[in-house]
Amino acid sequence: MAKLIDVESYLTYPIARKTFASTVLLYNDVPMEIVSKLLGHSSMKIIQDSYGKIVEKKISEEILKLKGK
C-alpha cells in the first residue's frame, strides 16, 4: 500500500487506527467519548492524551469560522 501512494514509512495497524480516529471520526465531529469506545480504550485519559492536539486544532478551526460570520 505504501508503495502505491509513494509513502516511505511503514503503514502499520496503529498508524491506520490513529488516522481513522483523527481524520474520519474527530474531524467529522464524532465526540471523543464515542471515539474512545470505538477504539476500545479503557479510559478517556488515553484518548485525551493521544488526540488532544487534534481536538485543539479543530476548536481553532471552528473559532475561525465563527469569527468569519
C-alpha atoms as a PDB file:
ATOM      1  CA  MET A   1       0.000   0.000   0.000  1.00  0.00           C
ATOM      2  CA  ALA A   2       2.763   2.454   0.921  1.00  0.00           C
ATOM      3  CA  LYS A   3       4.463   1.929  -2.430  1.00  0.00           C
ATOM      4  CA  LEU A   4       1.221   2.663  -4.277  1.00  0.00           C
ATOM      5  CA  ILE A   5       0.845   6.047  -2.611  1.00  0.00           C
ATOM      6  CA  ASP A   6       4.579   6.777  -2.538  1.00  0.00           C
ATOM      7  CA  VAL A   7       4.971   6.823   1.249  1.00  0.00           C
ATOM      8  CA  GLU A   8       8.376   5.817   2.522  1.00  0.00           C
ATOM      9  CA  SER A   9       7.382   4.814   6.062  1.00  0.00           C
ATOM     10  CA  TYR A  10       5.720   1.583   7.060  1.00  0.00           C
ATOM     11  CA  LEU A  11       1.946   1.655   7.321  1.00  0.00           C
ATOM     12  CA  THR A  12       1.044  -0.208  10.478  1.00  0.00           C
ATOM     13  CA  TYR A  13      -2.177  -1.049  12.266  1.00  0.00           C
ATOM     14  CA  PRO A  14      -1.595   1.615  14.973  1.00  0.00           C
ATOM     15  CA  ILE A  15      -0.971   4.269  12.307  1.00  0.00           C
ATOM     16  CA  ALA A  16      -4.120   3.275  10.429  1.00  0.00           C
ATOM     17  CA  ARG A  17      -6.115   3.279  13.655  1.00  0.00           C
ATOM     18  CA  LYS A  18      -4.926   6.746  14.671  1.00  0.00           C
ATOM     19  CA  THR A  19      -5.542   8.087  11.161  1.00  0.00           C
ATOM     20  CA  PHE A  20      -9.087   6.699  11.200  1.00  0.00           C
ATOM     21  CA  ALA A  21      -9.787   8.141  14.641  1.00  0.00           C
ATOM     22  CA  SER A  22      -8.464  11.578  13.782  1.00  0.00           C
ATOM     23  CA  THR A  23      -9.352  12.186  10.149  1.00  0.00           C
ATOM     24  CA  VAL A  24     -12.588  10.242   9.936  1.00  0.00           C
ATOM     25  CA  LEU A  25     -14.086  10.454  13.401  1.00  0.00           C
ATOM     26  CA  LEU A  26     -12.808  13.531  15.242  1.00  0.00           C
ATOM     27  CA  TYR A  27     -12.684  15.814  12.195  1.00  0.00           C
ATOM     28  CA  ASN A  28     -16.274  14.842  11.476  1.00  0.00           C
ATOM     29  CA  ASP A  29     -17.440  15.913  14.918  1.00  0.00           C
ATOM     30  CA  VAL A  30     -17.783  12.469  16.500  1.00  0.00           C
ATOM     31  CA  PRO A  31     -17.445  13.071  20.262  1.00  0.00           C
ATOM     32  CA  MET A  32     -14.279  11.840  21.974  1.00  0.00           C
ATOM     33  CA  GLU A  33     -16.341   9.598  24.244  1.00  0.00           C
ATOM     34  CA  ILE A  34     -17.640   7.674  21.245  1.00  0.00           C
ATOM     35  CA  VAL A  35     -14.198   7.518  19.613  1.00  0.00           C
ATOM     36  CA  SER A  36     -12.840   6.147  22.875  1.00  0.00           C
ATOM     37  CA  LYS A  37     -15.464   3.392  22.950  1.00  0.00           C
ATOM     38  CA  LEU A  38     -14.971   2.528  19.279  1.00  0.00           C
ATOM     39  CA  LEU A  39     -11.228   2.160  19.778  1.00  0.00           C
ATOM     40  CA  GLY A  40     -11.683   0.123  22.946  1.00  0.00           C
ATOM     41  CA  HIS A  41      -9.812   2.467  25.265  1.00  0.00           C
ATOM     42  CA  SER A  42     -10.209   1.700  28.956  1.00  0.00           C
ATOM     43  CA  SER A  43     -10.311   5.368  29.958  1.00  0.00           C
ATOM     44  CA  MET A  44     -10.887   8.796  28.473  1.00  0.00           C
ATOM     45  CA  LYS A  45      -7.410   9.869  29.610  1.00  0.00           C
ATOM     46  CA  ILE A  46      -5.839   7.613  26.980  1.00  0.00           C
ATOM     47  CA  ILE A  47      -7.745   9.225  24.135  1.00  0.00           C
ATOM     48  CA  GLN A  48      -7.291  12.726  25.523  1.00  0.00           C
ATOM     49  CA  ASP A  49      -3.536  12.202  25.679  1.00  0.00           C
ATOM     50  CA  SER A  50      -3.418  10.719  22.186  1.00  0.00           C
ATOM     51  CA  TYR A  51      -5.828  13.006  20.359  1.00  0.00           C
ATOM     52  CA  GLY A  52      -5.980  16.189  22.431  1.00  0.00           C
ATOM     53  CA  LYS A  53      -3.900  18.202  19.965  1.00  0.00           C
ATOM     54  CA  ILE A  54      -6.173  17.167  17.112  1.00  0.00           C
ATOM     55  CA  VAL A  55      -9.201  18.401  19.020  1.00  0.00           C
ATOM     56  CA  GLU A  56      -7.430  21.684  19.832  1.00  0.00           C
ATOM     57  CA  LYS A  57      -6.817  22.217  16.118  1.00  0.00           C
ATOM     58  CA  LYS A  58     -10.479  21.510  15.394  1.00  0.00           C
ATOM     59  CA  ILE A  59     -11.503  24.061  18.049  1.00  0.00           C
ATOM     60  CA  SER A  60      -9.262  26.674  16.413  1.00  0.00           C
ATOM     61  CA  GLU A  61     -10.834  25.982  13.031  1.00  0.00           C
ATOM     62  CA  GLU A  62     -14.342  26.340  14.453  1.00  0.00           C
ATOM     63  CA  ILE A  63     -13.461  29.628  16.170  1.00  0.00           C
ATOM     64  CA  LEU A  64     -12.067  30.999  12.904  1.00  0.00           C
ATOM     65  CA  LYS A  65     -15.300  30.016  11.141  1.00  0.00           C
ATOM     66  CA  LEU A  66     -17.299  31.763  13.840  1.00  0.00           C
ATOM     67  CA  LYS A  67     -15.131  34.867  13.521  1.00  0.00           C
ATOM     68  CA  GLY A  68     -15.923  34.984   9.820  1.00  0.00           C
ATOM     69  CA  LYS A  69     -19.655  35.161  10.488  1.00  0.00           C
END
